[in-house]
Amino acid sequence: MTEPDPKPAAGEKTTPPVKIYSLSTCSHCKATKKLLGECTVQYEFVDVDLLEGEERRAIIEDVKKFNPRCSFPTVIIGDKVIVGYKEKEIKEALGLE
């Protein structure tokens, strides 16, 4: 998990909130996290496979609201949902392209 972005300086672009539902063993999930890190974007993530019991069930229900197939990574950028590692779509949603 991360801390919130500091307030931007005047004229600086703000990025929408970013959350990733991922699996700790998923190469596409790792690539998505790496891309966001390279773009210096702060994000929250949940490695669903590392959760247990009720917490895991609750998070899976959250994922299904955004992605009924419950595949990973499921990336939420503001109000946009991107399923899978899609560099161009992710950068566009962040306003980087």
Foldseek 3Di string as FASTA:
>chain_A
DDDDDDDDDPPDDDWAAKEKEAAPPDPQQVVQVVLCVVVVHDYHYDNLVVDDDPVSVVVQVVQCVQPVVSAPTWMQTHNDTDHTNDNVVVCVNRVND
